[in-house]
Amino acid sequence: MKIVVLDGYTENPGDLSWSGFEALGELTVYDRTPVETIIERIGDAEAVIVNKTPISAEVLNACPGIRYVGVLATGYNVVDVKAAKEKGVTVTNIPAYGTASVAQFAFALLLEICHHVAHHSNAVYEGRWENNADWCFWDYPLIELSGKTAGIIGFGKIGQATGAIAKAMNMRVLAYGGQESESGRAIADYVKLDELLASSDVIFLHCPLLPETEGIINKDTIAKMKDGVILINNSRGPLIVEQDLTEALNTGKVYAAGLDVVSSEPIRGANPLLNAKNCLITPHISWAPKESRERLMNIATENLRAFLEKTPVNVVNS
């Protein structure tokens, strides 16, 4: 089988191995693929592995040899799954590989907002502590999380992992969304959205991007939140109406936001959040620790192996 990886660099910038795929066929790996070269690079390959490179109906029509598309991510909107199904092309994704990493990063964003660790470390190296009149100083309000309320919108595996961290820090945890479960009830109280918005000191977004969740954070839902709430989003950018959040940050209604995702990625210079107060933005790296990417690679390899053995798993267009 001919296998082509169209955009492998973010998954494997050199610290992992493609050997699992090499054992399954004749492998060609491209770090990145411009849109105009997708069809040419696929050629007569039967298996196409992508992360964010789009596989459209046009591509599928132009490359009739494709039998399998493996997405190196949980989200698979880069593939026209309807067209793939019509052509008998199996499409798979990678579920649940980054639960621990994403939950950990959600708290990394929150703790940076609470303590501004990098800022104060830089201040020390700039000589400000050495020349300070007092034995310590701080430039921002420092926030203790113990006793505060964390509201988590989307309480699946990642939401529950984040909730477990919050509970370990002596926070009360509220949850909205997803099916209620015993594991969830052991961590959080399930509540309606309005109660979560009104009661939470910190709100985490861990829900999928669906028609009913797109723009779930907007001027109306922000108005229902506590004054001075902190918002954390390392799920999907379009969950937030960015202009509405910008206005809320600039007025102080929302004290701070920690975001690892935005509506269009890479971020565009016109994104209003770049001009918002107290807005921490990182370049979609919650998923990227080596341990998480190793799990992703292993699952992706096994997805293709299972397909070749005619026992496909993690199929999104069955």
Protein backbone atom coordinates (compact mmCIF):
# COMPACT_ATOMS: atom_id res chain seq x y z
CA MET A 1 0.00 0.00 0.00
CA LYS A 2 1.20 3.51 -0.82
CA ILE A 3 0.82 5.84 2.15
CA VAL A 4 1.29 9.62 2.03
CA VAL A 5 1.41 11.97 5.02
CA LEU A 6 0.57 15.45 3.77
CA ASP A 7 1.31 17.59 6.84
CA GLY A 8 3.30 15.63 9.36
CA TYR A 9 5.44 18.33 10.95
CA THR A 10 3.21 19.41 13.83
CA GLU A 11 2.68 15.78 14.85
CA ASN A 12 6.34 14.86 14.40
CA PRO A 13 8.82 17.74 14.18
CA GLY A 14 11.61 15.19 14.55
CA ASP A 15 11.22 13.73 18.03
CA LEU A 16 8.99 10.80 17.03
CA SER A 17 9.21 8.01 14.46
CA TRP A 18 7.07 7.14 11.45
CA SER A 19 8.26 3.52 11.66
CA GLY A 20 4.81 2.19 12.50
CA PHE A 21 3.48 3.48 9.17
CA GLU A 22 6.62 2.36 7.33
CA ALA A 23 5.85 -1.20 8.43
CA LEU A 24 2.45 -0.98 6.76
CA GLY A 25 3.45 0.18 3.29
CA GLU A 26 5.47 2.49 1.08
CA LEU A 27 5.53 5.75 3.03
CA THR A 28 6.09 9.33 1.86
CA VAL A 29 6.02 12.12 4.46
CA TYR A 30 5.65 15.83 3.73
CA ASP A 31 6.04 18.39 6.52
CA ARG A 32 3.47 20.68 4.90
CA THR A 33 1.44 20.62 1.70
CA PRO A 34 0.18 23.76 -0.05
CA VAL A 35 -3.40 23.42 -1.22
CA GLU A 36 -2.43 23.62 -4.89
CA THR A 37 -0.17 20.54 -4.57
CA ILE A 38 -2.51 18.22 -2.64
CA ILE A 39 -3.71 16.24 -5.66
CA GLU A 40 -0.22 15.93 -7.13
CA ARG A 41 1.29 14.72 -3.88
CA ILE A 42 -1.42 12.16 -3.26
CA GLY A 43 -1.06 10.75 -6.76
CA ASP A 44 -1.99 7.07 -6.69
CA ALA A 45 -1.63 6.66 -2.93
CA GLU A 46 -4.27 4.48 -1.29
CA ALA A 47 -3.90 5.82 2.25
CA VAL A 48 -3.74 9.56 2.99
CA ILE A 49 -2.77 10.82 6.44
CA VAL A 50 -3.60 14.44 7.26
CA ASN A 51 -3.87 16.82 10.15
CA LYS A 52 -5.19 20.12 8.78
CA THR A 53 -4.70 19.64 5.02
CA PRO A 54 -8.18 19.62 3.45
CA ILE A 55 -9.42 16.54 1.63
CA SER A 56 -12.33 17.85 -0.41
CA ALA A 57 -14.69 16.15 -2.83
CA GLU A 58 -12.54 17.60 -5.62
CA VAL A 59 -9.46 15.88 -4.20
CA LEU A 60 -11.31 12.59 -3.81
CA ASN A 61 -12.55 12.80 -7.40
CA ALA A 62 -9.07 13.55 -8.72
CA CYS A 63 -7.41 10.73 -6.73
CA PRO A 64 -9.57 7.63 -7.28
CA GLY A 65 -6.97 5.38 -5.69
CA ILE A 66 -7.72 6.66 -2.20
CA ARG A 67 -9.22 3.98 0.02
CA TYR A 68 -8.45 5.43 3.42
CA VAL A 69 -8.03 8.87 5.04
CA GLY A 70 -6.58 8.98 8.54
CA VAL A 71 -6.89 12.27 10.42
CA LEU A 72 -4.13 12.98 12.95
CA ALA A 73 -6.58 14.75 15.27
CA THR A 74 -9.91 14.30 17.01
CA GLY A 75 -11.69 16.83 14.80
CA TYR A 76 -12.16 15.71 11.21
CA ASN A 77 -13.88 18.68 9.55
CA VAL A 78 -10.94 18.97 7.11
CA VAL A 79 -12.33 15.93 5.29
CA ASP A 80 -15.52 15.92 3.23
CA VAL A 81 -16.78 12.83 5.01
CA LYS A 82 -20.00 12.70 3.00
CA ALA A 83 -18.12 12.59 -0.30
CA ALA A 84 -15.70 10.06 1.17
CA LYS A 85 -18.55 7.79 2.22
CA GLU A 86 -20.13 8.02 -1.22
CA LYS A 87 -16.83 6.87 -2.72
CA GLY A 88 -16.34 4.08 -0.21
CA VAL A 89 -13.37 5.81 1.42
CA THR A 90 -12.95 5.08 5.13
CA VAL A 91 -12.16 8.09 7.32
CA THR A 92 -10.79 7.69 10.86
CA ASN A 93 -9.85 10.07 13.65
CA ILE A 94 -7.95 9.93 16.94
CA PRO A 95 -10.24 10.10 19.96
CA ALA A 96 -9.17 10.69 23.56
CA TYR A 97 -5.41 10.83 23.06
CA GLY A 98 -4.85 14.20 24.74
CA THR A 99 -7.14 14.13 27.78
CA ALA A 100 -4.39 14.56 30.38
CA SER A 101 -2.43 17.12 28.35
CA VAL A 102 -5.44 19.32 27.59
CA ALA A 103 -6.66 19.31 31.19
CA GLN A 104 -3.15 20.12 32.41
CA PHE A 105 -2.86 23.00 29.95
CA ALA A 106 -6.24 24.41 30.99
CA PHE A 107 -4.81 24.83 34.47
CA ALA A 108 -1.53 26.14 33.12
CA LEU A 109 -3.51 28.99 31.55
CA LEU A 110 -5.49 29.55 34.74
CA LEU A 111 -2.45 29.51 37.03
CA GLU A 112 -0.60 31.97 34.81
CA ILE A 113 -3.57 34.32 35.12
CA CYS A 114 -3.64 33.84 38.89
CA HIS A 115 0.08 34.42 39.47
CA HIS A 116 1.67 35.90 36.31
CA VAL A 117 4.69 33.68 36.89
CA ALA A 118 6.48 34.53 33.63
CA HIS A 119 6.00 38.26 34.11
CA HIS A 120 7.38 38.25 37.64
CA SER A 121 10.31 36.03 36.67
CA ASN A 122 11.17 38.44 33.84
CA ALA A 123 10.95 41.33 36.31
CA VAL A 124 13.55 39.64 38.53
CA TYR A 125 15.95 39.19 35.61
CA GLU A 126 15.42 42.84 34.68
CA GLY A 127 16.79 43.80 38.10
CA ARG A 128 13.57 44.98 39.65
CA TRP A 129 13.81 42.72 42.71
CA GLU A 130 17.45 43.57 43.30
CA ASN A 131 16.57 47.27 43.30
CA ASN A 132 13.25 46.97 45.10
CA ALA A 133 12.73 48.91 48.36
CA ASP A 134 10.79 46.01 49.88
CA TRP A 135 11.63 42.32 50.19
CA CYS A 136 8.96 41.34 47.63
CA PHE A 137 6.64 42.90 45.06
CA TRP A 138 3.89 41.97 42.66
CA ASP A 139 2.41 43.81 39.69
CA TYR A 140 -0.97 42.10 39.43
CA PRO A 141 -3.57 40.88 41.89
CA LEU A 142 -2.62 37.34 42.97
CA ILE A 143 -5.53 34.92 43.14
CA GLU A 144 -6.01 31.89 45.41
CA LEU A 145 -8.28 29.26 43.87
CA SER A 146 -9.13 27.26 47.00
CA GLY A 147 -12.78 27.77 47.93
CA LYS A 148 -13.75 29.24 44.57
CA THR A 149 -16.15 27.70 42.06
CA ALA A 150 -15.10 26.20 38.74
CA GLY A 151 -17.79 25.81 36.09
CA ILE A 152 -17.04 23.38 33.27
CA ILE A 153 -19.07 23.51 30.07
CA GLY A 154 -18.66 20.11 28.44
CA PHE A 155 -18.11 17.34 30.97
CA GLY A 156 -16.78 14.44 28.97
CA LYS A 157 -13.35 12.90 29.54
CA ILE A 158 -11.40 16.17 29.29
CA GLY A 159 -13.94 18.12 31.31
CA GLN A 160 -13.85 15.52 34.06
CA ALA A 161 -10.04 15.48 34.05
CA THR A 162 -10.06 19.26 34.49
CA GLY A 163 -12.72 18.93 37.17
CA ALA A 164 -10.59 16.43 39.09
CA ILE A 165 -7.70 18.93 39.15
CA ALA A 166 -10.04 21.69 40.33
CA LYS A 167 -11.45 19.47 43.06
CA ALA A 168 -7.92 18.57 44.20
CA MET A 169 -7.31 22.32 44.58
CA ASN A 170 -10.33 22.55 46.89
CA MET A 171 -12.57 24.22 44.32
CA ARG A 172 -16.28 23.53 44.07
CA VAL A 173 -16.99 22.10 40.61
CA LEU A 174 -20.15 22.66 38.55
CA ALA A 175 -20.75 20.85 35.26
CA TYR A 176 -23.00 21.44 32.29
CA GLY A 177 -23.27 19.32 29.15
CA GLY A 178 -22.66 15.73 28.22
CA GLN A 179 -24.44 12.73 29.66
CA GLU A 180 -24.51 12.61 33.44
CA SER A 181 -22.43 9.77 34.85
CA GLU A 182 -21.33 8.34 38.17
CA SER A 183 -17.76 9.40 37.45
CA GLY A 184 -18.97 12.91 36.73
CA ARG A 185 -21.11 13.11 39.86
CA ALA A 186 -18.10 12.08 41.94
CA ILE A 187 -16.37 15.28 40.80
CA ALA A 188 -19.05 17.87 40.14
CA ASP A 189 -22.62 18.96 40.61
CA TYR A 190 -24.51 18.91 37.32
CA VAL A 191 -26.44 22.17 36.86
CA LYS A 192 -28.23 24.12 34.17
CA LEU A 193 -26.16 26.52 32.08
CA ASP A 194 -27.60 29.67 33.63
CA GLU A 195 -26.73 28.47 37.14
CA LEU A 196 -23.20 27.63 36.07
CA LEU A 197 -22.75 31.06 34.49
CA ALA A 198 -24.07 32.89 37.54
CA SER A 199 -22.15 30.88 40.15
CA SER A 200 -18.70 30.27 38.67
CA ASP A 201 -15.55 32.22 39.46
CA VAL A 202 -13.74 30.39 36.65
CA ILE A 203 -15.41 28.94 33.54
CA PHE A 204 -13.69 26.27 31.45
CA LEU A 205 -14.86 25.38 27.94
CA HIS A 206 -14.41 21.69 27.12
CA CYS A 207 -17.37 21.09 24.82
CA PRO A 208 -17.23 20.06 21.16
CA LEU A 209 -18.01 22.57 18.43
CA LEU A 210 -21.57 21.84 17.35
CA PRO A 211 -24.33 24.06 15.94
CA GLU A 212 -25.76 24.39 19.45
CA THR A 213 -22.41 25.29 21.05
CA GLU A 214 -21.03 27.66 18.42
CA GLY A 215 -20.93 31.10 20.01
CA ILE A 216 -22.06 29.76 23.39
CA ILE A 217 -19.98 32.53 24.97
CA ASN A 218 -21.56 35.74 23.74
CA LYS A 219 -22.80 39.06 25.09
CA ASP A 220 -25.96 37.45 26.49
CA THR A 221 -24.25 34.60 28.32
CA ILE A 222 -21.44 36.89 29.49
CA ALA A 223 -24.07 39.19 31.02
CA LYS A 224 -25.22 36.27 33.20
CA MET A 225 -21.71 35.66 34.57
CA LYS A 226 -20.24 37.02 37.79
CA ASP A 227 -18.38 40.29 37.49
CA GLY A 228 -14.68 39.50 37.34
CA VAL A 229 -15.05 35.94 36.08
CA ILE A 230 -12.08 34.17 34.47
CA LEU A 231 -12.67 32.31 31.20
CA ILE A 232 -10.49 29.44 29.94
CA ASN A 233 -10.88 27.97 26.44
CA ASN A 234 -8.61 25.30 25.02
CA SER A 235 -11.37 23.47 23.21
CA ARG A 236 -12.50 25.22 20.01
CA GLY A 237 -12.19 28.89 19.08
CA PRO A 238 -15.67 29.39 17.58
CA LEU A 239 -17.29 28.58 20.93
CA ILE A 240 -16.67 32.26 21.67
CA VAL A 241 -18.00 35.36 19.93
CA GLU A 242 -14.64 37.10 20.02
CA GLN A 243 -15.85 40.68 19.71
CA ASP A 244 -18.22 40.14 22.64
CA LEU A 245 -15.45 38.69 24.80
CA THR A 246 -13.11 41.54 23.82
CA GLU A 247 -15.64 44.11 24.99
CA ALA A 248 -16.20 42.21 28.24
CA LEU A 249 -12.45 42.06 28.93
CA ASN A 250 -11.97 45.73 28.18
CA THR A 251 -14.80 46.75 30.51
CA GLY A 252 -13.65 44.35 33.26
CA LYS A 253 -16.84 42.29 33.24
CA VAL A 254 -14.54 39.36 32.47
CA TYR A 255 -11.37 39.78 34.54
CA ALA A 256 -9.16 37.64 32.30
CA ALA A 257 -9.23 35.01 29.58
CA GLY A 258 -6.79 32.21 28.85
CA LEU A 259 -7.17 30.97 25.29
CA ASP A 260 -5.30 28.28 23.39
CA VAL A 261 -7.67 28.45 20.43
CA VAL A 262 -9.24 31.20 18.32
CA SER A 263 -11.85 31.32 15.58
CA SER A 264 -9.38 31.24 12.68
CA GLU A 265 -5.99 29.59 13.03
CA PRO A 266 -3.26 30.71 12.78
CA ILE A 267 -4.63 33.86 14.40
CA ARG A 268 -5.19 36.83 12.09
CA GLY A 269 -3.88 40.30 12.91
CA ALA A 270 -7.43 41.66 12.81
CA ASN A 271 -8.63 39.37 15.61
CA PRO A 272 -10.14 41.74 18.22
CA LEU A 273 -8.77 39.64 21.09
CA LEU A 274 -5.28 40.88 20.26
CA ASN A 275 -6.43 44.27 21.58
CA ALA A 276 -8.22 42.95 24.66
CA LYS A 277 -7.07 43.55 28.22
CA ASN A 278 -5.88 40.60 30.33
CA CYS A 279 -6.11 38.13 27.47
CA LEU A 280 -3.54 35.33 27.39
CA ILE A 281 -3.36 33.60 23.99
CA THR A 282 -1.22 30.57 23.15
CA PRO A 283 -0.86 28.95 19.69
CA HIS A 284 -3.07 25.82 20.04
CA ILE A 285 -0.51 23.72 21.92
CA SER A 286 -2.61 21.97 24.59
CA TRP A 287 -2.34 18.74 22.62
CA ALA A 288 1.38 18.97 21.87
CA PRO A 289 3.41 17.39 24.72
CA LYS A 290 5.53 14.55 23.38
CA GLU A 291 3.66 11.98 25.46
CA SER A 292 0.36 13.06 23.94
CA ARG A 293 1.74 13.04 20.39
CA GLU A 294 3.18 9.56 20.94
CA ARG A 295 -0.29 8.31 21.88
CA LEU A 296 -1.68 10.01 18.78
CA MET A 297 0.95 8.36 16.56
CA ASN A 298 0.30 4.94 18.03
CA ILE A 299 -3.46 5.25 17.61
CA ALA A 300 -3.09 6.55 14.04
CA THR A 301 -0.88 3.58 13.16
CA GLU A 302 -3.30 1.11 14.70
CA ASN A 303 -6.22 2.77 12.88
CA LEU A 304 -4.55 2.04 9.54
CA ARG A 305 -3.50 -1.45 10.61
CA ALA A 306 -7.07 -2.27 11.63
CA PHE A 307 -8.35 -0.98 8.29
CA LEU A 308 -5.90 -3.20 6.40
CA GLU A 309 -7.05 -6.16 8.50
CA LYS A 310 -10.66 -5.34 7.55
CA THR A 311 -11.60 -4.57 11.16
CA PRO A 312 -11.66 -0.74 11.03
CA VAL A 313 -11.85 1.28 14.25
CA ASN A 314 -12.46 4.96 15.04
CA VAL A 315 -14.37 5.34 11.77
CA VAL A 316 -16.23 8.65 11.50
CA ASN A 317 -18.15 8.02 8.27
CA SER A 318 -19.37 4.45 8.67
